[in-house]
Amino acid sequence: MANKYIPKDKMSKKKRRAEYAKRRGSWNGVSPETRVMPNKKAYDRNRARSQMRRETQDV
């Protein structure tokens, strides 16, 4: 007999999680955190410090 369709709201929490995990797939070892580009307009203490060092070395 074929699997019957059961609506998501009637599934148990455990079965719902298994269903979502099966559909989701994987990142194949790639971390999504590393894909976020840093905001160039935001203040970055390390960037500011290195810029000050470059300016003082040139003089």
N, C-alpha and C. Protein backbone atom coordinates (compact mmCIF):
# COMPACT_ATOMS: atom_id res chain seq x y z
N MET A 1 0.84 -1.19 0.00
CA MET A 1 0.00 0.00 0.00
C MET A 1 0.88 1.25 0.00
N ALA A 2 0.52 2.23 -0.76
CA ALA A 2 1.30 3.46 -0.87
C ALA A 2 1.13 4.30 0.40
N ASN A 3 2.10 5.15 0.65
CA ASN A 3 2.01 6.04 1.81
C ASN A 3 0.86 7.02 1.63
N LYS A 4 0.05 7.16 2.66
CA LYS A 4 -1.05 8.11 2.61
C LYS A 4 -0.53 9.49 2.99
N TYR A 5 -1.15 10.51 2.40
CA TYR A 5 -0.77 11.87 2.72
C TYR A 5 -1.39 12.25 4.06
N ILE A 6 -0.54 12.76 4.95
CA ILE A 6 -0.99 13.24 6.26
C ILE A 6 -0.64 14.72 6.33
N PRO A 7 -1.61 15.58 6.63
CA PRO A 7 -1.30 17.01 6.72
C PRO A 7 -0.25 17.30 7.79
N LYS A 8 0.53 18.33 7.57
CA LYS A 8 1.63 18.67 8.49
C LYS A 8 1.13 18.96 9.90
N ASP A 9 -0.02 19.63 10.01
CA ASP A 9 -0.51 19.99 11.35
C ASP A 9 -1.02 18.77 12.12
N LYS A 10 -1.27 17.66 11.43
CA LYS A 10 -1.71 16.44 12.12
C LYS A 10 -0.56 15.49 12.41
N MET A 11 0.61 15.77 11.83
CA MET A 11 1.79 14.92 12.09
C MET A 11 2.31 15.17 13.49
N SER A 12 2.97 14.17 14.04
CA SER A 12 3.60 14.37 15.34
C SER A 12 4.83 15.26 15.14
N LYS A 13 5.28 15.87 16.21
CA LYS A 13 6.42 16.78 16.14
C LYS A 13 7.67 16.05 15.63
N LYS A 14 7.85 14.83 16.09
CA LYS A 14 9.01 14.04 15.70
C LYS A 14 9.00 13.74 14.20
N LYS A 15 7.84 13.34 13.68
CA LYS A 15 7.73 13.02 12.25
C LYS A 15 7.87 14.28 11.40
N ARG A 16 7.32 15.41 11.90
CA ARG A 16 7.44 16.68 11.18
C ARG A 16 8.90 17.08 11.05
N ARG A 17 9.66 16.97 12.15
CA ARG A 17 11.08 17.31 12.12
C ARG A 17 11.84 16.42 11.15
N ALA A 18 11.52 15.12 11.14
CA ALA A 18 12.18 14.18 10.22
C ALA A 18 11.87 14.54 8.78
N GLU A 19 10.64 14.90 8.50
CA GLU A 19 10.23 15.30 7.16
C GLU A 19 10.98 16.56 6.70
N TYR A 20 11.06 17.55 7.56
CA TYR A 20 11.76 18.79 7.21
C TYR A 20 13.26 18.53 7.02
N ALA A 21 13.84 17.70 7.87
CA ALA A 21 15.27 17.39 7.75
C ALA A 21 15.56 16.66 6.44
N LYS A 22 14.66 15.80 6.02
CA LYS A 22 14.84 15.06 4.77
C LYS A 22 14.81 16.00 3.57
N ARG A 23 13.94 17.00 3.60
CA ARG A 23 13.83 17.95 2.49
C ARG A 23 14.93 18.99 2.47
N ARG A 24 15.48 19.28 3.63
CA ARG A 24 16.40 20.40 3.76
C ARG A 24 17.72 20.17 3.03
N GLY A 25 18.29 19.00 3.11
CA GLY A 25 19.57 18.74 2.47
C GLY A 25 20.72 19.19 3.34
N SER A 26 21.89 19.27 2.77
CA SER A 26 23.06 19.65 3.56
C SER A 26 23.86 20.74 2.85
N TRP A 27 24.76 21.34 3.59
CA TRP A 27 25.63 22.38 3.06
C TRP A 27 26.93 21.78 2.52
N ASN A 28 27.11 20.47 2.62
CA ASN A 28 28.30 19.77 2.12
C ASN A 28 29.59 20.34 2.70
N GLY A 29 29.62 20.55 4.00
CA GLY A 29 30.83 21.01 4.66
C GLY A 29 31.06 22.50 4.61
N VAL A 30 30.19 23.26 3.97
CA VAL A 30 30.35 24.71 3.88
C VAL A 30 29.58 25.34 5.03
N SER A 31 30.23 26.21 5.76
CA SER A 31 29.58 26.90 6.86
C SER A 31 28.87 28.14 6.34
N PRO A 32 27.57 28.29 6.59
CA PRO A 32 26.87 29.48 6.09
C PRO A 32 27.35 30.76 6.76
N GLU A 33 27.98 30.66 7.92
CA GLU A 33 28.48 31.86 8.61
C GLU A 33 29.61 32.52 7.83
N THR A 34 30.41 31.72 7.14
CA THR A 34 31.54 32.29 6.42
C THR A 34 31.10 32.99 5.14
N ARG A 35 29.86 32.79 4.71
CA ARG A 35 29.39 33.38 3.47
C ARG A 35 28.85 34.79 3.65
N VAL A 36 28.72 35.25 4.87
CA VAL A 36 28.18 36.59 5.12
C VAL A 36 29.29 37.61 4.96
N MET A 37 29.06 38.60 4.11
CA MET A 37 30.05 39.64 3.88
C MET A 37 29.97 40.65 5.01
N PRO A 38 31.12 41.10 5.54
CA PRO A 38 31.08 42.12 6.59
C PRO A 38 30.60 43.46 6.03
N ASN A 39 29.93 44.21 6.87
CA ASN A 39 29.41 45.51 6.47
C ASN A 39 30.57 46.50 6.40
N LYS A 40 30.81 47.05 5.23
CA LYS A 40 31.93 47.98 5.04
C LYS A 40 31.70 49.32 5.75
N LYS A 41 30.45 49.70 5.93
CA LYS A 41 30.14 50.98 6.55
C LYS A 41 30.19 50.92 8.07
N ALA A 42 30.13 49.74 8.62
CA ALA A 42 30.14 49.58 10.08
C ALA A 42 31.54 49.84 10.62
N TYR A 43 31.61 50.34 11.84
CA TYR A 43 32.89 50.63 12.47
C TYR A 43 33.58 49.33 12.84
N ASP A 44 34.81 49.17 12.40
CA ASP A 44 35.60 47.99 12.71
C ASP A 44 36.87 48.46 13.39
N ARG A 45 37.01 48.11 14.64
CA ARG A 45 38.14 48.58 15.44
C ARG A 45 39.48 48.12 14.84
N ASN A 46 39.54 46.88 14.37
CA ASN A 46 40.79 46.37 13.79
C ASN A 46 41.16 47.10 12.51
N ARG A 47 40.18 47.39 11.68
CA ARG A 47 40.45 48.10 10.43
C ARG A 47 40.92 49.52 10.73
N ALA A 48 40.27 50.17 11.69
CA ALA A 48 40.66 51.54 12.06
C ALA A 48 42.08 51.57 12.61
N ARG A 49 42.42 50.58 13.43
CA ARG A 49 43.75 50.51 14.03
C ARG A 49 44.82 50.29 12.95
N SER A 50 44.54 49.39 12.00
CA SER A 50 45.53 49.14 10.95
C SER A 50 45.68 50.35 10.04
N GLN A 51 44.59 51.07 9.82
CA GLN A 51 44.66 52.28 8.99
C GLN A 51 45.51 53.36 9.68
N MET A 52 45.37 53.48 10.99
CA MET A 52 46.17 54.46 11.72
C MET A 52 47.65 54.08 11.65
N ARG A 53 47.96 52.81 11.76
CA ARG A 53 49.35 52.36 11.67
C ARG A 53 49.95 52.68 10.30
N ARG A 54 49.15 52.44 9.25
CA ARG A 54 49.64 52.74 7.89
C ARG A 54 49.91 54.23 7.72
N GLU A 55 49.04 55.06 8.25
CA GLU A 55 49.21 56.50 8.12
C GLU A 55 50.44 56.99 8.87
N THR A 56 50.72 56.44 10.04
CA THR A 56 51.86 56.88 10.84
C THR A 56 53.19 56.35 10.27
N GLN A 57 53.17 55.21 9.58
CA GLN A 57 54.39 54.66 9.00
C GLN A 57 54.82 55.43 7.76
N ASP A 58 53.88 55.97 7.02
CA ASP A 58 54.20 56.69 5.79
C ASP A 58 54.90 58.01 6.06
N VAL A 59 54.68 58.61 7.20
CA VAL A 59 55.22 59.93 7.51
C VAL A 59 56.65 59.88 7.87
